[in-house]
């Protein structure tokens, strides 16, 4: 019995010693190795006409781009008007990129990169918005499709989900295009038109189109990228 206890004690001591040695090795390695963070130069502040950007988004919010499960063409005029608004609002980007209309209302942009060997990426957003429940129009603090710029906010359906993301992306690439920037890797911007009712017409059609062309994306950015303060 005493022998068994002695063996167990020795095993425990060996385990403790191993842990101490491992910890010492980790501390020593951490102390000896320098930071692996990449040194980058500070980025110059970007000048943005916030009022003009807000007005562009507000104009999009006023377009009632509501997708329907049963009627694919329910908001045809609104979607076409939004396409015209986007083209008129971001001319430099439209001159630099190729635009395709997929499944009648989805927008697929291809911004060719300078390195054909670099894997492409995609920025995703959707043009459609959730409809208003009948009879609730009077419950809104500001009319749901007003697009009003008020009290530091843009009011209305889509200002957050998801025209806010969509127009933020376009504002960014427009600024870059004005500076004659060309991405190293090809950038796709894919803006579906029926995400709120499944995305089977728009996003799926664009996905199949890219797949048919052998496009393999390195990564994608989708909605949900908003940074907020004092909202929740």
Protein backbone atom coordinates (compact mmCIF):
# COMPACT_ATOMS: atom_id res chain seq x y z
CA UNK A 1 0.00 0.00 0.00
CA UNK A 2 2.78 2.39 0.96
CA UNK A 3 4.59 1.50 -2.25
CA UNK A 4 1.49 2.33 -4.33
CA UNK A 5 1.11 5.65 -2.54
CA UNK A 6 4.77 6.41 -3.20
CA UNK A 7 4.40 5.65 -6.90
CA UNK A 8 1.31 7.87 -7.12
CA UNK A 9 3.15 10.68 -5.33
CA UNK A 10 6.04 10.41 -7.78
CA UNK A 11 3.66 10.54 -10.76
CA UNK A 12 1.99 13.66 -9.38
CA UNK A 13 5.37 15.30 -8.78
CA UNK A 14 6.44 14.45 -12.33
CA UNK A 15 3.25 15.98 -13.74
CA UNK A 16 3.76 19.14 -11.69
CA UNK A 17 7.36 19.35 -12.85
CA UNK A 18 6.29 18.90 -16.48
CA UNK A 19 3.71 21.69 -16.16
CA UNK A 20 6.28 24.00 -14.57
CA UNK A 21 8.83 23.25 -17.31
CA UNK A 22 6.22 23.79 -20.05
CA UNK A 23 5.17 27.10 -18.51
CA UNK A 24 8.79 28.18 -18.28
CA UNK A 25 9.39 27.30 -21.94
CA UNK A 26 6.29 29.22 -23.03
CA UNK A 27 7.28 32.29 -21.03
CA UNK A 28 10.83 32.15 -22.38
CA UNK A 29 9.63 31.85 -25.99
CA UNK A 30 7.15 34.68 -25.53
CA UNK A 31 9.91 36.84 -24.06
CA UNK A 32 12.39 36.08 -26.84
CA UNK A 33 10.06 36.42 -29.83
CA UNK A 34 9.19 39.84 -31.18
CA UNK A 35 5.69 40.90 -32.18
CA UNK A 36 4.36 39.40 -35.40
CA UNK A 37 2.08 42.37 -36.03
CA UNK A 38 2.59 43.94 -39.44
CA UNK A 39 3.83 47.51 -39.31
CA UNK A 40 1.57 49.77 -41.35
CA UNK A 41 1.68 53.45 -42.07
CA UNK A 42 -1.12 55.63 -40.70
CA UNK A 43 -3.99 56.11 -43.12
CA UNK A 44 -4.77 59.67 -44.05
CA UNK A 45 -8.27 60.80 -42.99
CA UNK A 46 -10.88 60.47 -45.72
CA UNK A 47 -12.98 63.53 -46.41
CA UNK A 48 -16.63 62.59 -46.83
CA UNK A 49 -19.55 64.84 -47.63
CA UNK A 50 -21.79 63.26 -45.01
CA UNK A 51 -24.83 65.32 -45.92
CA UNK A 52 -24.62 64.35 -49.59
CA UNK A 53 -24.12 60.68 -48.69
CA UNK A 54 -27.13 60.82 -46.37
CA UNK A 55 -29.26 62.35 -49.11
CA UNK A 56 -28.26 59.59 -51.54
CA UNK A 57 -29.27 56.91 -49.06
CA UNK A 58 -32.45 58.79 -48.22
CA UNK A 59 -33.39 58.83 -51.91
CA UNK A 60 -32.98 55.05 -52.03
CA UNK A 61 -35.10 54.59 -48.90
CA UNK A 62 -37.95 56.43 -50.62
CA UNK A 63 -38.05 53.71 -53.28
CA UNK A 64 -40.31 50.91 -52.06
CA UNK A 65 -38.27 47.95 -53.26
CA UNK A 66 -40.40 45.26 -51.63
CA UNK A 67 -39.86 41.69 -52.83
CA UNK A 68 -42.74 39.25 -53.07
CA UNK A 69 -42.84 35.49 -52.69
CA UNK A 70 -45.52 35.09 -55.35
CA UNK A 71 -44.95 38.01 -57.75
CA UNK A 72 -41.37 38.40 -58.97
CA UNK A 73 -42.19 41.70 -60.69
CA UNK A 74 -44.21 43.31 -57.90
CA UNK A 75 -41.78 46.22 -57.39
CA UNK A 76 -40.27 46.30 -60.88
CA UNK A 77 -40.50 50.08 -61.29
CA UNK A 78 -38.98 50.73 -57.85
CA UNK A 79 -36.05 48.40 -58.50
CA UNK A 80 -35.36 49.97 -61.90
CA UNK A 81 -35.53 53.43 -60.36
CA UNK A 82 -33.05 52.30 -57.72
CA UNK A 83 -30.70 51.00 -60.42
CA UNK A 84 -30.85 54.40 -62.12
CA UNK A 85 -30.23 56.16 -58.80
CA UNK A 86 -27.18 54.01 -58.09
CA UNK A 87 -25.73 54.57 -61.56
CA UNK A 88 -26.24 58.33 -61.35
CA UNK A 89 -24.90 58.58 -57.79
CA UNK A 90 -21.66 56.65 -58.33
CA UNK A 91 -20.39 57.45 -61.85
CA UNK A 92 -16.67 56.89 -61.19
CA UNK A 93 -17.24 53.36 -59.95
CA UNK A 94 -19.55 52.57 -62.86
CA UNK A 95 -16.81 53.70 -65.23
CA UNK A 96 -14.29 51.43 -63.51
CA UNK A 97 -16.43 48.32 -63.02
CA UNK A 98 -18.65 46.12 -65.17
CA UNK A 99 -22.33 46.00 -64.21
CA UNK A 100 -24.65 43.10 -64.94
CA UNK A 101 -28.34 42.86 -64.16
CA UNK A 102 -29.10 39.30 -63.08
CA UNK A 103 -32.58 37.79 -62.83
CA UNK A 104 -34.05 41.14 -63.94
CA UNK A 105 -33.36 43.09 -60.74
CA UNK A 106 -30.19 41.90 -58.96
CA UNK A 107 -26.96 43.82 -59.58
CA UNK A 108 -23.58 42.16 -60.04
CA UNK A 109 -20.50 44.36 -60.38
CA UNK A 110 -17.06 43.11 -61.38
CA UNK A 111 -14.12 45.35 -60.48
CA UNK A 112 -11.16 43.73 -62.18
CA UNK A 113 -8.00 43.43 -60.11
CA UNK A 114 -4.46 43.99 -61.32
CA UNK A 115 -3.29 40.49 -60.33
CA UNK A 116 -5.22 37.73 -62.13
CA UNK A 117 -3.65 35.13 -59.83
CA UNK A 118 -5.04 36.73 -56.67
CA UNK A 119 -8.24 35.10 -55.43
CA UNK A 120 -11.26 37.41 -55.78
CA UNK A 121 -13.53 38.60 -52.97
CA UNK A 122 -17.17 39.66 -52.84
CA UNK A 123 -19.12 42.35 -51.02
CA UNK A 124 -22.77 41.42 -50.54
CA UNK A 125 -25.89 43.43 -49.74
CA UNK A 126 -29.53 43.37 -50.77
CA UNK A 127 -31.77 45.98 -52.33
CA UNK A 128 -35.15 44.82 -51.05
CA UNK A 129 -36.83 45.76 -47.79
CA UNK A 130 -39.51 44.36 -45.49
CA UNK A 131 -43.06 45.56 -46.21
CA UNK A 132 -45.16 47.53 -43.74
CA UNK A 133 -47.91 45.68 -41.92
CA UNK A 134 -51.22 47.13 -43.16
CA UNK A 135 -52.80 49.45 -40.63
CA UNK A 136 -49.55 50.31 -38.84
CA UNK A 137 -48.60 53.34 -40.92
CA UNK A 138 -49.73 55.70 -38.17
CA UNK A 139 -47.53 53.96 -35.60
CA UNK A 140 -44.33 55.20 -37.17
CA UNK A 141 -42.56 58.19 -35.64
CA UNK A 142 -41.51 59.14 -39.18
CA UNK A 143 -43.25 57.73 -42.30
CA UNK A 144 -41.67 54.35 -43.16
CA UNK A 145 -40.49 55.35 -46.63
CA UNK A 146 -39.74 59.01 -46.00
CA UNK A 147 -35.95 58.77 -46.29
CA UNK A 148 -35.84 61.83 -44.07
CA UNK A 149 -32.50 63.01 -42.69
CA UNK A 150 -33.45 64.11 -39.20
CA UNK A 151 -31.79 64.34 -35.78
CA UNK A 152 -28.61 62.74 -37.08
CA UNK A 153 -30.38 59.71 -38.54
CA UNK A 154 -31.75 58.57 -41.90
CA UNK A 155 -35.30 57.40 -41.32
CA UNK A 156 -37.18 54.67 -43.14
CA UNK A 157 -37.24 51.09 -44.30
CA UNK A 158 -33.86 50.00 -45.58
CA UNK A 159 -31.82 52.73 -43.93
CA UNK A 160 -30.35 49.91 -41.84
CA UNK A 161 -31.45 46.65 -43.46
CA UNK A 162 -29.91 46.74 -45.92
CA UNK A 163 -29.60 49.81 -48.11
CA UNK A 164 -27.38 51.35 -45.45
CA UNK A 165 -24.78 48.64 -46.05
CA UNK A 166 -25.27 48.71 -49.80
CA UNK A 167 -24.78 52.45 -50.13
CA UNK A 168 -21.86 52.43 -47.68
CA UNK A 169 -20.06 49.98 -49.95
CA UNK A 170 -20.82 52.08 -53.00
CA UNK A 171 -19.69 55.28 -51.28
CA UNK A 172 -16.37 53.57 -50.47
CA UNK A 173 -15.68 52.18 -53.94
CA UNK A 174 -16.76 55.45 -55.57
CA UNK A 175 -14.18 57.32 -53.50
CA UNK A 176 -11.49 54.81 -54.46
CA UNK A 177 -12.45 54.94 -58.13
CA UNK A 178 -12.20 58.74 -58.09
CA UNK A 179 -8.62 58.33 -56.85
CA UNK A 180 -7.88 55.95 -59.77
CA UNK A 181 -7.37 53.12 -57.32
CA UNK A 182 -7.35 49.62 -58.77
CA UNK A 183 -7.63 46.63 -56.45
CA UNK A 184 -4.97 43.94 -56.60
CA UNK A 185 -7.58 41.19 -56.53
CA UNK A 186 -10.88 41.29 -58.39
CA UNK A 187 -13.77 42.55 -56.27
CA UNK A 188 -17.36 41.50 -56.90
CA UNK A 189 -20.25 43.50 -55.50
CA UNK A 190 -23.42 41.42 -55.50
CA UNK A 191 -26.69 43.13 -54.61
CA UNK A 192 -29.65 40.75 -54.54
CA UNK A 193 -33.25 41.84 -54.83
CA UNK A 194 -35.23 39.25 -52.85
CA UNK A 195 -33.24 38.47 -49.70
CA UNK A 196 -36.22 39.19 -47.45
CA UNK A 197 -38.18 36.38 -49.13
CA UNK A 198 -35.36 33.80 -49.40
CA UNK A 199 -32.94 35.11 -52.06
CA UNK A 200 -33.71 32.22 -54.38
CA UNK A 201 -34.23 34.48 -57.39
CA UNK A 202 -31.40 36.96 -56.92
CA UNK A 203 -28.56 35.68 -54.75
CA UNK A 204 -28.93 32.13 -56.02
CA UNK A 205 -28.88 33.27 -59.64
CA UNK A 206 -25.72 35.33 -59.09
CA UNK A 207 -24.08 32.45 -57.24
CA UNK A 208 -24.80 30.06 -60.09
CA UNK A 209 -23.54 32.60 -62.62
CA UNK A 210 -20.22 33.01 -60.83
CA UNK A 211 -19.94 29.26 -60.38
CA UNK A 212 -20.48 28.73 -64.10
CA UNK A 213 -17.56 31.08 -64.74
CA UNK A 214 -15.29 29.14 -62.41
CA UNK A 215 -15.09 31.94 -59.85
CA UNK A 216 -13.83 30.80 -56.44
CA UNK A 217 -13.99 33.52 -53.82
CA UNK A 218 -11.37 33.89 -51.13
CA UNK A 219 -13.91 35.42 -48.74
CA UNK A 220 -17.10 37.47 -48.66
CA UNK A 221 -18.44 40.35 -46.58
CA UNK A 222 -22.19 40.25 -46.05
CA UNK A 223 -24.63 42.43 -44.11
CA UNK A 224 -24.24 42.81 -40.36
CA UNK A 225 -21.13 44.99 -40.51
CA UNK A 226 -22.67 48.07 -38.94
CA UNK A 227 -20.83 49.81 -36.10
CA UNK A 228 -23.26 51.56 -33.81
CA UNK A 229 -23.08 53.70 -30.72
CA UNK A 230 -25.90 54.33 -28.30
CA UNK A 231 -28.41 52.24 -30.28
CA UNK A 232 -28.88 49.24 -27.98
